[in-house]
Amino acid sequence: MLNRYDRSSPMSGEAEVKYLDGDFRVVRPGAFVRCAVTGVPIPLEELKYWSVDLQEAYASPQAVLQRLQPQAGQ
């Protein structure tokens, strides 16, 4: 039996996720998604922050704020 950390497990890579209002749907199975701001992996069971409009995941509230701040010079 394969455990959660076995490299040959189909759940060990990056997941593809469709972000919905208040929920998300896994399109391609995996163990994590990447934060759109920091690039750090976020385990799916810990995913709390995302943008439906941008279809991006965020690791923390600070990453959300960083993404939403207007870029300097715009």
N, C-alpha and C. Protein backbone atom coordinates (compact mmCIF):
# COMPACT_ATOMS: atom_id res chain seq x y z
N MET A 1 0.85 -1.19 0.00
CA MET A 1 0.00 0.00 0.00
C MET A 1 0.89 1.25 0.00
N LEU A 2 0.52 2.23 -0.78
CA LEU A 2 1.29 3.46 -0.86
C LEU A 2 0.87 4.42 0.24
N ASN A 3 1.85 5.06 0.85
CA ASN A 3 1.47 6.08 1.83
C ASN A 3 1.49 7.45 1.19
N ARG A 4 1.08 8.44 1.91
CA ARG A 4 0.91 9.79 1.40
C ARG A 4 2.22 10.41 0.90
N TYR A 5 3.35 9.97 1.41
CA TYR A 5 4.63 10.57 1.05
C TYR A 5 5.41 9.76 0.03
N ASP A 6 4.84 8.70 -0.47
CA ASP A 6 5.50 7.85 -1.47
C ASP A 6 5.58 8.63 -2.79
N ARG A 7 6.78 8.76 -3.35
CA ARG A 7 6.98 9.53 -4.59
C ARG A 7 6.20 8.96 -5.77
N SER A 8 5.92 7.66 -5.79
CA SER A 8 5.20 7.07 -6.92
C SER A 8 3.69 7.25 -6.80
N SER A 9 3.25 7.79 -5.68
CA SER A 9 1.83 8.02 -5.48
C SER A 9 1.36 9.14 -6.40
N PRO A 10 0.20 9.01 -7.05
CA PRO A 10 -0.30 10.08 -7.91
C PRO A 10 -0.66 11.34 -7.12
N MET A 11 -0.75 11.24 -5.80
CA MET A 11 -1.10 12.38 -4.97
C MET A 11 0.12 13.15 -4.48
N SER A 12 1.31 12.84 -4.97
CA SER A 12 2.51 13.47 -4.43
C SER A 12 2.92 14.75 -5.16
N GLY A 13 2.34 15.04 -6.29
CA GLY A 13 2.75 16.21 -7.06
C GLY A 13 1.83 17.41 -6.86
N GLU A 14 1.99 18.36 -7.75
CA GLU A 14 1.19 19.58 -7.71
C GLU A 14 -0.18 19.31 -8.30
N ALA A 15 -1.20 19.76 -7.61
CA ALA A 15 -2.58 19.59 -8.06
C ALA A 15 -2.97 20.75 -8.97
N GLU A 16 -3.94 20.49 -9.82
CA GLU A 16 -4.58 21.56 -10.60
C GLU A 16 -5.96 21.75 -9.99
N VAL A 17 -6.27 23.00 -9.64
CA VAL A 17 -7.47 23.29 -8.87
C VAL A 17 -8.30 24.38 -9.54
N LYS A 18 -9.61 24.23 -9.51
CA LYS A 18 -10.55 25.27 -9.96
C LYS A 18 -11.07 25.92 -8.69
N TYR A 19 -10.81 27.22 -8.53
CA TYR A 19 -11.20 27.95 -7.33
C TYR A 19 -12.62 28.49 -7.49
N LEU A 20 -13.47 28.17 -6.55
CA LEU A 20 -14.87 28.57 -6.56
C LEU A 20 -15.15 29.47 -5.35
N ASP A 21 -16.33 30.05 -5.29
CA ASP A 21 -16.74 30.85 -4.14
C ASP A 21 -16.90 29.95 -2.93
N GLY A 22 -16.02 30.09 -1.94
CA GLY A 22 -16.10 29.34 -0.70
C GLY A 22 -15.67 27.89 -0.78
N ASP A 23 -15.18 27.44 -1.92
CA ASP A 23 -14.76 26.06 -2.09
C ASP A 23 -13.82 25.98 -3.29
N PHE A 24 -13.25 24.82 -3.51
CA PHE A 24 -12.43 24.59 -4.70
C PHE A 24 -12.64 23.15 -5.15
N ARG A 25 -12.38 22.92 -6.43
CA ARG A 25 -12.54 21.59 -7.01
C ARG A 25 -11.19 21.16 -7.59
N VAL A 26 -10.78 19.96 -7.25
CA VAL A 26 -9.52 19.42 -7.76
C VAL A 26 -9.76 18.89 -9.17
N VAL A 27 -9.05 19.47 -10.14
CA VAL A 27 -9.17 19.08 -11.54
C VAL A 27 -8.17 17.96 -11.86
N ARG A 28 -6.94 18.11 -11.34
CA ARG A 28 -5.91 17.08 -11.48
C ARG A 28 -5.37 16.79 -10.08
N PRO A 29 -5.49 15.55 -9.63
CA PRO A 29 -5.07 15.21 -8.26
C PRO A 29 -3.61 15.54 -7.99
N GLY A 30 -3.36 15.90 -6.77
CA GLY A 30 -2.02 16.19 -6.29
C GLY A 30 -2.08 16.50 -4.81
N ALA A 31 -0.93 16.74 -4.22
CA ALA A 31 -0.85 16.97 -2.78
C ALA A 31 -0.87 18.46 -2.42
N PHE A 32 -0.54 19.33 -3.39
CA PHE A 32 -0.39 20.75 -3.06
C PHE A 32 -0.65 21.63 -4.28
N VAL A 33 -0.80 22.94 -4.00
CA VAL A 33 -0.80 23.98 -5.03
C VAL A 33 0.27 24.99 -4.62
N ARG A 34 0.67 25.85 -5.53
CA ARG A 34 1.70 26.84 -5.21
C ARG A 34 1.07 28.21 -5.00
N CYS A 35 1.62 28.94 -4.03
CA CYS A 35 1.19 30.32 -3.77
C CYS A 35 1.58 31.17 -4.98
N ALA A 36 0.63 31.94 -5.49
CA ALA A 36 0.87 32.78 -6.66
C ALA A 36 1.84 33.92 -6.37
N VAL A 37 2.01 34.29 -5.11
CA VAL A 37 2.89 35.40 -4.75
C VAL A 37 4.27 34.90 -4.33
N THR A 38 4.33 33.91 -3.46
CA THR A 38 5.60 33.46 -2.89
C THR A 38 6.18 32.23 -3.58
N GLY A 39 5.31 31.44 -4.24
CA GLY A 39 5.76 30.21 -4.88
C GLY A 39 5.88 29.03 -3.95
N VAL A 40 5.59 29.22 -2.66
CA VAL A 40 5.71 28.11 -1.71
C VAL A 40 4.57 27.11 -1.92
N PRO A 41 4.84 25.82 -1.73
CA PRO A 41 3.76 24.84 -1.85
C PRO A 41 2.79 24.93 -0.68
N ILE A 42 1.51 24.79 -0.98
CA ILE A 42 0.46 24.81 0.04
C ILE A 42 -0.25 23.46 -0.02
N PRO A 43 -0.14 22.64 1.03
CA PRO A 43 -0.88 21.37 1.03
C PRO A 43 -2.38 21.64 0.88
N LEU A 44 -3.06 20.84 0.08
CA LEU A 44 -4.48 21.08 -0.17
C LEU A 44 -5.29 21.14 1.12
N GLU A 45 -4.92 20.32 2.11
CA GLU A 45 -5.68 20.33 3.36
C GLU A 45 -5.48 21.61 4.16
N GLU A 46 -4.47 22.42 3.78
CA GLU A 46 -4.21 23.69 4.47
C GLU A 46 -4.59 24.90 3.62
N LEU A 47 -5.14 24.69 2.44
CA LEU A 47 -5.49 25.79 1.54
C LEU A 47 -6.69 26.56 2.07
N LYS A 48 -6.49 27.86 2.35
CA LYS A 48 -7.54 28.70 2.92
C LYS A 48 -7.80 29.97 2.12
N TYR A 49 -6.81 30.40 1.33
CA TYR A 49 -6.91 31.69 0.65
C TYR A 49 -6.71 31.52 -0.84
N TRP A 50 -7.65 32.09 -1.62
CA TRP A 50 -7.53 32.05 -3.08
C TRP A 50 -8.39 33.13 -3.70
N SER A 51 -8.16 33.38 -4.98
CA SER A 51 -8.94 34.35 -5.74
C SER A 51 -9.72 33.59 -6.82
N VAL A 52 -11.03 33.75 -6.80
CA VAL A 52 -11.87 33.15 -7.83
C VAL A 52 -11.60 33.87 -9.16
N ASP A 53 -11.52 35.20 -9.12
CA ASP A 53 -11.32 35.98 -10.35
C ASP A 53 -9.97 35.69 -11.01
N LEU A 54 -8.92 35.61 -10.21
CA LEU A 54 -7.58 35.38 -10.76
C LEU A 54 -7.21 33.91 -10.85
N GLN A 55 -8.02 33.03 -10.21
CA GLN A 55 -7.76 31.59 -10.16
C GLN A 55 -6.34 31.32 -9.65
N GLU A 56 -6.06 31.92 -8.46
CA GLU A 56 -4.76 31.79 -7.83
C GLU A 56 -4.93 31.41 -6.36
N ALA A 57 -3.96 30.68 -5.83
CA ALA A 57 -3.93 30.33 -4.42
C ALA A 57 -2.91 31.22 -3.71
N TYR A 58 -3.12 31.42 -2.41
CA TYR A 58 -2.21 32.24 -1.61
C TYR A 58 -1.90 31.52 -0.30
N ALA A 59 -0.67 31.63 0.16
CA ALA A 59 -0.22 30.94 1.36
C ALA A 59 -0.68 31.61 2.65
N SER A 60 -0.96 32.91 2.59
CA SER A 60 -1.29 33.65 3.81
C SER A 60 -2.10 34.90 3.47
N PRO A 61 -2.71 35.51 4.50
CA PRO A 61 -3.40 36.79 4.25
C PRO A 61 -2.44 37.86 3.75
N GLN A 62 -1.19 37.84 4.20
CA GLN A 62 -0.20 38.81 3.74
C GLN A 62 0.05 38.66 2.24
N ALA A 63 0.07 37.43 1.75
CA ALA A 63 0.26 37.20 0.31
C ALA A 63 -0.92 37.74 -0.48
N VAL A 64 -2.13 37.60 0.06
CA VAL A 64 -3.33 38.15 -0.60
C VAL A 64 -3.19 39.67 -0.70
N LEU A 65 -2.84 40.31 0.41
CA LEU A 65 -2.69 41.77 0.41
C LEU A 65 -1.60 42.23 -0.54
N GLN A 66 -0.51 41.49 -0.57
CA GLN A 66 0.57 41.84 -1.50
C GLN A 66 0.10 41.78 -2.94
N ARG A 67 -0.68 40.75 -3.29
CA ARG A 67 -1.19 40.60 -4.65
C ARG A 67 -2.18 41.72 -5.01
N LEU A 68 -2.98 42.14 -4.02
CA LEU A 68 -4.03 43.12 -4.30
C LEU A 68 -3.53 44.56 -4.29
N GLN A 69 -2.34 44.81 -3.75
CA GLN A 69 -1.81 46.17 -3.74
C GLN A 69 -1.48 46.62 -5.15
N PRO A 70 -1.83 47.85 -5.49
CA PRO A 70 -1.47 48.36 -6.82
C PRO A 70 0.05 48.38 -6.97
N GLN A 71 0.50 48.03 -8.15
CA GLN A 71 1.95 48.04 -8.42
C GLN A 71 2.44 49.48 -8.47
N ALA A 72 3.63 49.71 -7.96
CA ALA A 72 4.23 51.05 -7.97
C ALA A 72 4.41 51.52 -9.41
N GLY A 73 4.04 52.77 -9.65
CA GLY A 73 4.21 53.34 -10.97
C GLY A 73 3.04 53.10 -11.91
N GLN A 74 1.96 52.52 -11.41
CA GLN A 74 0.80 52.30 -12.28
C GLN A 74 -0.26 53.32 -12.02
